[in-house]
């Protein structure tokens, strides 16, 4: 069984046991998080499919937070020729590692 959920402005195809790296969530490590924006639920064969309008009523996906971490550093360089203008900035996006525990729909 798999589902398509939305979190952090992105959509993910998940099934039980999957580990996702998503945008930062406010919960602490070890807590349970519930995703209620479920767009589709289906079995692996594709025989029993529930498509939401826009979401499936009463469906939810539960997950357990494994870690709060940061992604790799992204370097940003600004440069203007002939003006001696150079800026170098780094950024690390905060993210959450979540394991999908169950799909209910």
PDB file of N, CA and C in Angstrom:
ATOM      1  N   UNK A   1       0.845  -1.173   0.000  1.00  0.00           N
ATOM      2  CA  UNK A   1       0.000   0.000   0.000  1.00  0.00           C
ATOM      3  C   UNK A   1       0.891   1.237   0.000  1.00  0.00           C
ATOM      4  N   UNK A   2       0.554   2.216  -0.833  1.00  0.00           N
ATOM      5  CA  UNK A   2       1.305   3.457  -0.854  1.00  0.00           C
ATOM      6  C   UNK A   2       0.344   4.631  -0.914  1.00  0.00           C
ATOM      7  N   UNK A   3       0.884   5.812  -0.623  1.00  0.00           N
ATOM      8  CA  UNK A   3       0.076   7.027  -0.622  1.00  0.00           C
ATOM      9  C   UNK A   3       0.909   8.178  -1.163  1.00  0.00           C
ATOM     10  N   UNK A   4       0.213   9.213  -1.599  1.00  0.00           N
ATOM     11  CA  UNK A   4       0.868  10.452  -2.006  1.00  0.00           C
ATOM     12  C   UNK A   4       0.418  11.530  -1.028  1.00  0.00           C
ATOM     13  N   UNK A   5       1.401  12.130  -0.339  1.00  0.00           N
ATOM     14  CA  UNK A   5       1.107  13.139   0.671  1.00  0.00           C
ATOM     15  C   UNK A   5       1.781  14.450   0.292  1.00  0.00           C
ATOM     16  N   UNK A   6       1.339  15.518   0.965  1.00  0.00           N
ATOM     17  CA  UNK A   6       1.973  16.818   0.767  1.00  0.00           C
ATOM     18  C   UNK A   6       2.429  17.353   2.108  1.00  0.00           C
ATOM     19  N   UNK A   7       3.670  17.832   2.143  1.00  0.00           N
ATOM     20  CA  UNK A   7       4.205  18.504   3.313  1.00  0.00           C
ATOM     21  C   UNK A   7       5.314  19.438   2.865  1.00  0.00           C
ATOM     22  N   UNK A   8       5.361  20.606   3.453  1.00  0.00           N
ATOM     23  CA  UNK A   8       6.403  21.562   3.099  1.00  0.00           C
ATOM     24  C   UNK A   8       6.307  22.052   1.668  1.00  0.00           C
ATOM     25  N   UNK A   9       5.103  22.034   1.079  1.00  0.00           N
ATOM     26  CA  UNK A   9       4.927  22.503  -0.282  1.00  0.00           C
ATOM     27  C   UNK A   9       5.363  21.512  -1.345  1.00  0.00           C
ATOM     28  N   UNK A  10       5.703  20.294  -0.939  1.00  0.00           N
ATOM     29  CA  UNK A  10       6.134  19.270  -1.896  1.00  0.00           C
ATOM     30  C   UNK A  10       5.286  18.014  -1.707  1.00  0.00           C
ATOM     31  N   UNK A  11       5.224  17.198  -2.747  1.00  0.00           N
ATOM     32  CA  UNK A  11       4.472  15.953  -2.677  1.00  0.00           C
ATOM     33  C   UNK A  11       5.430  14.773  -2.688  1.00  0.00           C
ATOM     34  N   UNK A  12       5.099  13.746  -1.904  1.00  0.00           N
ATOM     35  CA  UNK A  12       5.945  12.566  -1.759  1.00  0.00           C
ATOM     36  C   UNK A  12       5.104  11.307  -1.926  1.00  0.00           C
ATOM     37  N   UNK A  13       5.680  10.294  -2.582  1.00  0.00           N
ATOM     38  CA  UNK A  13       5.064   8.973  -2.681  1.00  0.00           C
ATOM     39  C   UNK A  13       5.676   8.136  -1.565  1.00  0.00           C
ATOM     40  N   UNK A  14       4.840   7.662  -0.630  1.00  0.00           N
ATOM     41  CA  UNK A  14       5.350   6.967   0.545  1.00  0.00           C
ATOM     42  C   UNK A  14       4.663   5.622   0.711  1.00  0.00           C
ATOM     43  N   UNK A  15       5.354   4.704   1.369  1.00  0.00           N
ATOM     44  CA  UNK A  15       4.763   3.444   1.807  1.00  0.00           C
ATOM     45  C   UNK A  15       5.330   3.144   3.187  1.00  0.00           C
ATOM     46  N   UNK A  16       4.747   2.181   3.873  1.00  0.00           N
ATOM     47  CA  UNK A  16       5.171   1.877   5.239  1.00  0.00           C
ATOM     48  C   UNK A  16       6.637   1.475   5.268  1.00  0.00           C
ATOM     49  N   UNK A  17       7.367   2.038   6.220  1.00  0.00           N
ATOM     50  CA  UNK A  17       8.782   1.730   6.370  1.00  0.00           C
ATOM     51  C   UNK A  17       9.708   2.691   5.651  1.00  0.00           C
ATOM     52  N   UNK A  18       9.183   3.536   4.753  1.00  0.00           N
ATOM     53  CA  UNK A  18      10.024   4.501   4.037  1.00  0.00           C
ATOM     54  C   UNK A  18      10.583   5.550   4.989  1.00  0.00           C
ATOM     55  N   UNK A  19      11.779   6.026   4.677  1.00  0.00           N
ATOM     56  CA  UNK A  19      12.395   7.122   5.427  1.00  0.00           C
ATOM     57  C   UNK A  19      12.472   8.321   4.491  1.00  0.00           C
ATOM     58  N   UNK A  20      11.846   9.434   4.902  1.00  0.00           N
ATOM     59  CA  UNK A  20      11.796  10.650   4.102  1.00  0.00           C
ATOM     60  C   UNK A  20      12.658  11.735   4.715  1.00  0.00           C
ATOM     61  N   UNK A  21      13.226  12.566   3.864  1.00  0.00           N
ATOM     62  CA  UNK A  21      13.895  13.778   4.321  1.00  0.00           C
ATOM     63  C   UNK A  21      13.051  14.931   3.801  1.00  0.00           C
ATOM     64  N   UNK A  22      12.393  15.648   4.732  1.00  0.00           N
ATOM     65  CA  UNK A  22      11.439  16.689   4.355  1.00  0.00           C
ATOM     66  C   UNK A  22      11.820  18.009   5.015  1.00  0.00           C
ATOM     67  N   UNK A  23      11.057  19.053   4.703  1.00  0.00           N
ATOM     68  CA  UNK A  23      11.272  20.352   5.325  1.00  0.00           C
ATOM     69  C   UNK A  23      11.098  20.232   6.842  1.00  0.00           C
ATOM     70  N   UNK A  24      11.753  21.105   7.582  1.00  0.00           N
ATOM     71  CA  UNK A  24      11.778  21.028   9.042  1.00  0.00           C
ATOM     72  C   UNK A  24      10.378  21.072   9.642  1.00  0.00           C
ATOM     73  N   UNK A  25      10.130  20.152  10.588  1.00  0.00           N
ATOM     74  CA  UNK A  25       8.890  20.099  11.350  1.00  0.00           C
ATOM     75  C   UNK A  25       9.181  20.505  12.793  1.00  0.00           C
ATOM     76  N   UNK A  26       8.215  21.094  13.503  1.00  0.00           N
ATOM     77  CA  UNK A  26       8.478  21.590  14.859  1.00  0.00           C
ATOM     78  C   UNK A  26       8.559  20.515  15.945  1.00  0.00           C
ATOM     79  N   UNK A  27       8.137  19.287  15.679  1.00  0.00           N
ATOM     80  CA  UNK A  27       8.140  18.243  16.699  1.00  0.00           C
ATOM     81  C   UNK A  27       9.566  17.804  17.039  1.00  0.00           C
ATOM     82  N   UNK A  28       9.713  17.184  18.205  1.00  0.00           N
ATOM     83  CA  UNK A  28      11.019  16.710  18.669  1.00  0.00           C
ATOM     84  C   UNK A  28      11.280  15.286  18.162  1.00  0.00           C
ATOM     85  N   UNK A  29      12.526  14.861  18.301  1.00  0.00           N
ATOM     86  CA  UNK A  29      12.920  13.519  17.878  1.00  0.00           C
ATOM     87  C   UNK A  29      12.178  12.484  18.711  1.00  0.00           C
ATOM     88  N   UNK A  30      11.628  11.459  18.056  1.00  0.00           N
ATOM     89  CA  UNK A  30      10.895  10.402  18.735  1.00  0.00           C
ATOM     90  C   UNK A  30       9.392  10.620  18.764  1.00  0.00           C
ATOM     91  N   UNK A  31       8.938  11.823  18.474  1.00  0.00           N
ATOM     92  CA  UNK A  31       7.503  12.101  18.476  1.00  0.00           C
ATOM     93  C   UNK A  31       6.849  11.592  17.197  1.00  0.00           C
ATOM     94  N   UNK A  32       5.525  11.482  17.248  1.00  0.00           N
ATOM     95  CA  UNK A  32       4.745  11.038  16.097  1.00  0.00           C
ATOM     96  C   UNK A  32       4.172  12.256  15.384  1.00  0.00           C
ATOM     97  N   UNK A  33       4.196  12.207  14.056  1.00  0.00           N
ATOM     98  CA  UNK A  33       3.634  13.283  13.241  1.00  0.00           C
ATOM     99  C   UNK A  33       2.583  12.667  12.320  1.00  0.00           C
ATOM    100  N   UNK A  34       1.486  13.404  12.082  1.00  0.00           N
ATOM    101  CA  UNK A  34       0.395  12.915  11.250  1.00  0.00           C
ATOM    102  C   UNK A  34       0.264  13.838  10.039  1.00  0.00           C
ATOM    103  N   UNK A  35       0.322  13.259   8.847  1.00  0.00           N
ATOM    104  CA  UNK A  35       0.124  14.000   7.611  1.00  0.00           C
ATOM    105  C   UNK A  35      -1.310  13.768   7.166  1.00  0.00           C
ATOM    106  N   UNK A  36      -2.112  14.838   7.135  1.00  0.00           N
ATOM    107  CA  UNK A  36      -3.524  14.698   6.800  1.00  0.00           C
ATOM    108  C   UNK A  36      -3.832  15.097   5.367  1.00  0.00           C
ATOM    109  N   UNK A  37      -2.882  15.693   4.665  1.00  0.00           N
ATOM    110  CA  UNK A  37      -3.086  16.025   3.254  1.00  0.00           C
ATOM    111  C   UNK A  37      -2.649  14.830   2.410  1.00  0.00           C
ATOM    112  N   UNK A  38      -3.570  13.892   2.226  1.00  0.00           N
ATOM    113  CA  UNK A  38      -3.313  12.670   1.466  1.00  0.00           C
ATOM    114  C   UNK A  38      -4.103  12.778   0.161  1.00  0.00           C
ATOM    115  N   UNK A  39      -3.397  12.761  -0.969  1.00  0.00           N
ATOM    116  CA  UNK A  39      -4.032  12.942  -2.265  1.00  0.00           C
ATOM    117  C   UNK A  39      -4.450  11.629  -2.909  1.00  0.00           C
ATOM    118  N   UNK A  40      -3.756  10.540  -2.577  1.00  0.00           N
ATOM    119  CA  UNK A  40      -4.049   9.260  -3.214  1.00  0.00           C
ATOM    120  C   UNK A  40      -3.621   8.133  -2.294  1.00  0.00           C
ATOM    121  N   UNK A  41      -4.436   7.080  -2.250  1.00  0.00           N
ATOM    122  CA  UNK A  41      -4.072   5.849  -1.549  1.00  0.00           C
ATOM    123  C   UNK A  41      -4.335   4.696  -2.509  1.00  0.00           C
ATOM    124  N   UNK A  42      -3.365   3.780  -2.615  1.00  0.00           N
ATOM    125  CA  UNK A  42      -3.505   2.664  -3.541  1.00  0.00           C
ATOM    126  C   UNK A  42      -2.754   1.459  -3.006  1.00  0.00           C
ATOM    127  N   UNK A  43      -3.170   0.273  -3.445  1.00  0.00           N
ATOM    128  CA  UNK A  43      -2.389  -0.928  -3.155  1.00  0.00           C
ATOM    129  C   UNK A  43      -1.317  -1.057  -4.239  1.00  0.00           C
ATOM    130  N   UNK A  44      -0.380  -1.967  -4.045  1.00  0.00           N
ATOM    131  CA  UNK A  44       0.749  -2.101  -4.973  1.00  0.00           C
ATOM    132  C   UNK A  44       0.307  -2.521  -6.376  1.00  0.00           C
ATOM    133  N   UNK A  45      -0.757  -3.307  -6.482  1.00  0.00           N
ATOM    134  CA  UNK A  45      -1.223  -3.768  -7.785  1.00  0.00           C
ATOM    135  C   UNK A  45      -2.013  -2.696  -8.529  1.00  0.00           C
ATOM    136  N   UNK A  46      -2.495  -1.689  -7.810  1.00  0.00           N
ATOM    137  CA  UNK A  46      -3.279  -0.639  -8.441  1.00  0.00           C
ATOM    138  C   UNK A  46      -4.735  -0.990  -8.622  1.00  0.00           C
ATOM    139  N   UNK A  47      -5.224  -1.989  -7.883  1.00  0.00           N
ATOM    140  CA  UNK A  47      -6.612  -2.416  -8.018  1.00  0.00           C
ATOM    141  C   UNK A  47      -7.545  -1.572  -7.159  1.00  0.00           C
ATOM    142  N   UNK A  48      -7.154  -1.300  -5.913  1.00  0.00           N
ATOM    143  CA  UNK A  48      -7.959  -0.480  -5.023  1.00  0.00           C
ATOM    144  C   UNK A  48      -7.300   0.896  -4.923  1.00  0.00           C
ATOM    145  N   UNK A  49      -7.852   1.862  -5.648  1.00  0.00           N
ATOM    146  CA  UNK A  49      -7.282   3.206  -5.693  1.00  0.00           C
ATOM    147  C   UNK A  49      -8.306   4.200  -5.173  1.00  0.00           C
ATOM    148  N   UNK A  50      -7.893   5.047  -4.238  1.00  0.00           N
ATOM    149  CA  UNK A  50      -8.736   6.133  -3.745  1.00  0.00           C
ATOM    150  C   UNK A  50      -8.065   7.438  -4.144  1.00  0.00           C
ATOM    151  N   UNK A  51      -8.741   8.225  -4.964  1.00  0.00           N
ATOM    152  CA  UNK A  51      -8.216   9.511  -5.402  1.00  0.00           C
ATOM    153  C   UNK A  51      -9.024  10.600  -4.731  1.00  0.00           C
ATOM    154  N   UNK A  52      -8.349  11.555  -4.127  1.00  0.00           N
ATOM    155  CA  UNK A  52      -9.018  12.623  -3.406  1.00  0.00           C
ATOM    156  C   UNK A  52      -9.426  13.768  -4.311  1.00  0.00           C
ATOM    157  N   UNK A  53     -10.388  14.564  -3.792  1.00  0.00           N
ATOM    158  CA  UNK A  53     -10.855  15.743  -4.518  1.00  0.00           C
ATOM    159  C   UNK A  53     -10.833  16.925  -3.573  1.00  0.00           C
ATOM    160  N   UNK A  54      -9.784  17.614  -3.263  1.00  0.00           N
ATOM    161  CA  UNK A  54      -8.403  17.327  -3.632  1.00  0.00           C
ATOM    162  C   UNK A  54      -7.731  16.318  -2.707  1.00  0.00           C
ATOM    163  N   UNK A  55      -8.302  16.075  -1.505  1.00  0.00           N
ATOM    164  CA  UNK A  55      -7.691  15.093  -0.604  1.00  0.00           C
ATOM    165  C   UNK A  55      -8.676  13.967  -0.324  1.00  0.00           C
ATOM    166  N   UNK A  56      -8.155  12.832   0.112  1.00  0.00           N
ATOM    167  CA  UNK A  56      -8.984  11.685   0.469  1.00  0.00           C
ATOM    168  C   UNK A  56      -9.560  11.943   1.862  1.00  0.00           C
ATOM    169  N   UNK A  57     -10.883  11.904   1.983  1.00  0.00           N
ATOM    170  CA  UNK A  57     -11.545  12.195   3.254  1.00  0.00           C
ATOM    171  C   UNK A  57     -11.213  11.129   4.297  1.00  0.00           C
ATOM    172  N   UNK A  58     -10.770  11.563   5.472  1.00  0.00           N
ATOM    173  CA  UNK A  58     -10.495  10.658   6.575  1.00  0.00           C
ATOM    174  C   UNK A  58      -9.180   9.912   6.487  1.00  0.00           C
ATOM    175  N   UNK A  59      -8.417  10.149   5.465  1.00  0.00           N
ATOM    176  CA  UNK A  59      -7.141   9.436   5.309  1.00  0.00           C
ATOM    177  C   UNK A  59      -6.023  10.192   6.006  1.00  0.00           C
ATOM    178  N   UNK A  60      -5.076   9.436   6.538  1.00  0.00           N
ATOM    179  CA  UNK A  60      -3.906  10.063   7.154  1.00  0.00           C
ATOM    180  C   UNK A  60      -2.729   9.105   7.116  1.00  0.00           C
ATOM    181  N   UNK A  61      -1.556   9.685   7.148  1.00  0.00           N
ATOM    182  CA  UNK A  61      -0.312   8.930   7.159  1.00  0.00           C
ATOM    183  C   UNK A  61       0.429   9.318   8.426  1.00  0.00           C
ATOM    184  N   UNK A  62       0.823   8.304   9.206  1.00  0.00           N
ATOM    185  CA  UNK A  62       1.532   8.564  10.452  1.00  0.00           C
ATOM    186  C   UNK A  62       3.009   8.282  10.271  1.00  0.00           C
ATOM    187  N   UNK A  63       3.828   9.117  10.910  1.00  0.00           N
ATOM    188  CA  UNK A  63       5.271   8.941  10.828  1.00  0.00           C
ATOM    189  C   UNK A  63       5.926   9.216  12.161  1.00  0.00           C
ATOM    190  N   UNK A  64       7.141   8.731  12.304  1.00  0.00           N
ATOM    191  CA  UNK A  64       7.917   8.935  13.522  1.00  0.00           C
ATOM    192  C   UNK A  64       9.163   9.729  13.149  1.00  0.00           C
ATOM    193  N   UNK A  65       9.455  10.776  13.912  1.00  0.00           N
ATOM    194  CA  UNK A  65      10.602  11.628  13.616  1.00  0.00           C
ATOM    195  C   UNK A  65      11.870  10.945  14.111  1.00  0.00           C
ATOM    196  N   UNK A  66      12.799  10.720  13.193  1.00  0.00           N
ATOM    197  CA  UNK A  66      14.066  10.069  13.522  1.00  0.00           C
ATOM    198  C   UNK A  66      15.165  11.066  13.866  1.00  0.00           C
ATOM    199  N   UNK A  67      15.202  12.208  13.169  1.00  0.00           N
ATOM    200  CA  UNK A  67      16.281  13.177  13.403  1.00  0.00           C
ATOM    201  C   UNK A  67      15.884  14.548  12.885  1.00  0.00           C
ATOM    202  N   UNK A  68      16.435  15.573  13.529  1.00  0.00           N
ATOM    203  CA  UNK A  68      16.380  16.951  13.042  1.00  0.00           C
ATOM    204  C   UNK A  68      17.800  17.277  12.599  1.00  0.00           C
ATOM    205  N   UNK A  69      17.996  17.584  11.334  1.00  0.00           N
ATOM    206  CA  UNK A  69      19.351  17.764  10.826  1.00  0.00           C
ATOM    207  C   UNK A  69      19.392  18.904   9.826  1.00  0.00           C
ATOM    208  N   UNK A  70      20.574  19.124   9.253  1.00  0.00           N
ATOM    209  CA  UNK A  70      20.759  20.161   8.249  1.00  0.00           C
ATOM    210  C   UNK A  70      21.375  19.537   7.007  1.00  0.00           C
ATOM    211  N   UNK A  71      21.016  20.081   5.853  1.00  0.00           N
ATOM    212  CA  UNK A  71      21.515  19.539   4.590  1.00  0.00           C
ATOM    213  C   UNK A  71      22.943  20.002   4.342  1.00  0.00           C
ATOM    214  N   UNK A  72      23.498  19.583   3.217  1.00  0.00           N
ATOM    215  CA  UNK A  72      24.833  20.015   2.841  1.00  0.00           C
ATOM    216  C   UNK A  72      24.840  21.512   2.560  1.00  0.00           C
ATOM    217  N   UNK A  73      26.007  22.108   2.710  1.00  0.00           N
ATOM    218  CA  UNK A  73      26.137  23.539   2.508  1.00  0.00           C
ATOM    219  C   UNK A  73      26.077  23.891   1.022  1.00  0.00           C
ATOM    220  N   UNK A  74      25.329  24.943   0.730  1.00  0.00           N
ATOM    221  CA  UNK A  74      25.237  25.473  -0.619  1.00  0.00           C
ATOM    222  C   UNK A  74      25.939  26.824  -0.616  1.00  0.00           C
ATOM    223  N   UNK A  75      26.937  26.992  -1.481  1.00  0.00           N
ATOM    224  CA  UNK A  75      27.671  28.250  -1.554  1.00  0.00           C
ATOM    225  C   UNK A  75      27.049  29.156  -2.601  1.00  0.00           C
ATOM    226  N   UNK A  76      26.882  30.428  -2.229  1.00  0.00           N
ATOM    227  CA  UNK A  76      26.348  31.430  -3.133  1.00  0.00           C
ATOM    228  C   UNK A  76      27.415  32.501  -3.293  1.00  0.00           C
ATOM    229  N   UNK A  77      27.763  32.816  -4.540  1.00  0.00           N
ATOM    230  CA  UNK A  77      28.787  33.820  -4.820  1.00  0.00           C
ATOM    231  C   UNK A  77      28.165  34.918  -5.660  1.00  0.00           C
ATOM    232  N   UNK A  78      28.298  36.175  -5.179  1.00  0.00           N
ATOM    233  CA  UNK A  78      27.849  37.332  -5.951  1.00  0.00           C
ATOM    234  C   UNK A  78      29.106  38.045  -6.443  1.00  0.00           C
ATOM    235  N   UNK A  79      29.098  38.449  -7.703  1.00  0.00           N
ATOM    236  CA  UNK A  79      30.275  39.051  -8.295  1.00  0.00           C
ATOM    237  C   UNK A  79      29.851  40.066  -9.346  1.00  0.00           C
ATOM    238  N   UNK A  80      30.436  41.257  -9.262  1.00  0.00           N
ATOM    239  CA  UNK A  80      30.221  42.278 -10.289  1.00  0.00           C
ATOM    240  C   UNK A  80      31.576  42.675 -10.841  1.00  0.00           C
ATOM    241  N   UNK A  81      31.753  42.524 -12.131  1.00  0.00           N
ATOM    242  CA  UNK A  81      33.059  42.852 -12.697  1.00  0.00           C
ATOM    243  C   UNK A  81      33.341  44.354 -12.674  1.00  0.00           C
ATOM    244  N   UNK A  82      34.619  44.709 -12.574  1.00  0.00           N
ATOM    245  CA  UNK A  82      35.128  46.082 -12.665  1.00  0.00           C
ATOM    246  C   UNK A  82      34.727  46.968 -11.488  1.00  0.00           C
ATOM    247  N   UNK A  83      34.120  46.403 -10.435  1.00  0.00           N
ATOM    248  CA  UNK A  83      33.672  47.230  -9.324  1.00  0.00           C
ATOM    249  C   UNK A  83      34.293  46.776  -8.003  1.00  0.00           C
ATOM    250  N   UNK A  84      35.037  45.667  -8.034  1.00  0.00           N
ATOM    251  CA  UNK A  84      35.615  45.054  -6.833  1.00  0.00           C
ATOM    252  C   UNK A  84      34.536  44.623  -5.847  1.00  0.00           C
ATOM    253  N   UNK A  85      33.464  44.113  -6.362  1.00  0.00           N
ATOM    254  CA  UNK A  85      32.364  43.643  -5.520  1.00  0.00           C
ATOM    255  C   UNK A  85      32.327  42.119  -5.562  1.00  0.00           C
ATOM    256  N   UNK A  86      32.584  41.506  -4.423  1.00  0.00           N
ATOM    257  CA  UNK A  86      32.520  40.047  -4.307  1.00  0.00           C
ATOM    258  C   UNK A  86      31.916  39.698  -2.952  1.00  0.00           C
ATOM    259  N   UNK A  87      30.899  38.849  -2.959  1.00  0.00           N
ATOM    260  CA  UNK A  87      30.275  38.387  -1.716  1.00  0.00           C
ATOM    261  C   UNK A  87      30.163  36.878  -1.780  1.00  0.00           C
ATOM    262  N   UNK A  88      30.445  36.250  -0.675  1.00  0.00           N
ATOM    263  CA  UNK A  88      30.356  34.795  -0.601  1.00  0.00           C
ATOM    264  C   UNK A  88      29.513  34.441   0.618  1.00  0.00           C
ATOM    265  N   UNK A  89      28.432  33.697   0.385  1.00  0.00           N
ATOM    266  CA  UNK A  89      27.499  33.337   1.450  1.00  0.00           C
ATOM    267  C   UNK A  89      27.236  31.843   1.372  1.00  0.00           C
ATOM    268  N   UNK A  90      27.137  31.199   2.515  1.00  0.00           N
ATOM    269  CA  UNK A  90      26.780  29.789   2.568  1.00  0.00           C
ATOM    270  C   UNK A  90      25.422  29.615   3.227  1.00  0.00           C
ATOM    271  N   UNK A  91      24.722  28.531   2.870  1.00  0.00           N
ATOM    272  CA  UNK A  91      23.401  28.263   3.445  1.00  0.00           C
ATOM    273  C   UNK A  91      23.229  26.766   3.665  1.00  0.00           C
ATOM    274  N   UNK A  92      22.693  26.396   4.822  1.00  0.00           N
ATOM    275  CA  UNK A  92      22.360  24.997   5.110  1.00  0.00           C
ATOM    276  C   UNK A  92      20.896  24.943   5.517  1.00  0.00           C
ATOM    277  N   UNK A  93      20.107  24.231   4.721  1.00  0.00           N
ATOM    278  CA  UNK A  93      18.668  24.120   4.968  1.00  0.00           C
ATOM    279  C   UNK A  93      18.411  23.128   6.100  1.00  0.00           C
ATOM    280  N   UNK A  94      17.541  23.507   7.039  1.00  0.00           N
ATOM    281  CA  UNK A  94      17.158  22.588   8.114  1.00  0.00           C
ATOM    282  C   UNK A  94      16.121  21.614   7.583  1.00  0.00           C
ATOM    283  N   UNK A  95      16.239  20.349   7.990  1.00  0.00           N
ATOM    284  CA  UNK A  95      15.351  19.308   7.490  1.00  0.00           C
ATOM    285  C   UNK A  95      15.076  18.283   8.574  1.00  0.00           C
ATOM    286  N   UNK A  96      14.039  17.489   8.357  1.00  0.00           N
ATOM    287  CA  UNK A  96      13.617  16.473   9.310  1.00  0.00           C
ATOM    288  C   UNK A  96      13.612  15.120   8.615  1.00  0.00           C
ATOM    289  N   UNK A  97      14.134  14.108   9.305  1.00  0.00           N
ATOM    290  CA  UNK A  97      14.121  12.738   8.789  1.00  0.00           C
ATOM    291  C   UNK A  97      12.960  12.012   9.464  1.00  0.00           C
ATOM    292  N   UNK A  98      12.013  11.501   8.646  1.00  0.00           N
ATOM    293  CA  UNK A  98      10.782  10.894   9.150  1.00  0.00           C
ATOM    294  C   UNK A  98      10.650   9.482   8.584  1.00  0.00           C
ATOM    295  N   UNK A  99      10.262   8.533   9.452  1.00  0.00           N
ATOM    296  CA  UNK A  99       9.975   7.173   8.999  1.00  0.00           C
ATOM    297  C   UNK A  99       8.458   6.983   9.012  1.00  0.00           C
ATOM    298  N   UNK A 100       7.921   6.483   7.912  1.00  0.00           N
ATOM    299  CA  UNK A 100       6.464   6.275   7.790  1.00  0.00           C
ATOM    300  C   UNK A 100       6.105   5.015   8.582  1.00  0.00           C
ATOM    301  N   UNK A 101       5.171   5.173   9.519  1.00  0.00           N
ATOM    302  CA  UNK A 101       4.758   4.073  10.393  1.00  0.00           C
ATOM    303  C   UNK A 101       3.504   3.393   9.867  1.00  0.00           C
ATOM    304  N   UNK A 102       2.535   4.180   9.408  1.00  0.00           N
ATOM    305  CA  UNK A 102       1.286   3.577   8.949  1.00  0.00           C
ATOM    306  C   UNK A 102       0.507   4.464   8.006  1.00  0.00           C
ATOM    307  N   UNK A 103      -0.288   3.844   7.151  1.00  0.00           N
ATOM    308  CA  UNK A 103      -1.173   4.537   6.227  1.00  0.00           C
ATOM    309  C   UNK A 103      -2.597   4.105   6.557  1.00  0.00           C
ATOM    310  N   UNK A 104      -3.452   5.066   6.883  1.00  0.00           N
ATOM    311  CA  UNK A 104      -4.838   4.758   7.232  1.00  0.00           C
ATOM    312  C   UNK A 104      -5.756   5.498   6.294  1.00  0.00           C
ATOM    313  N   UNK A 105      -6.651   4.796   5.682  1.00  0.00           N
ATOM    314  CA  UNK A 105      -7.542   5.458   4.748  1.00  0.00           C
ATOM    315  C   UNK A 105      -8.714   4.646   4.518  1.00  0.00           C
TER     316      UNK A 105
END
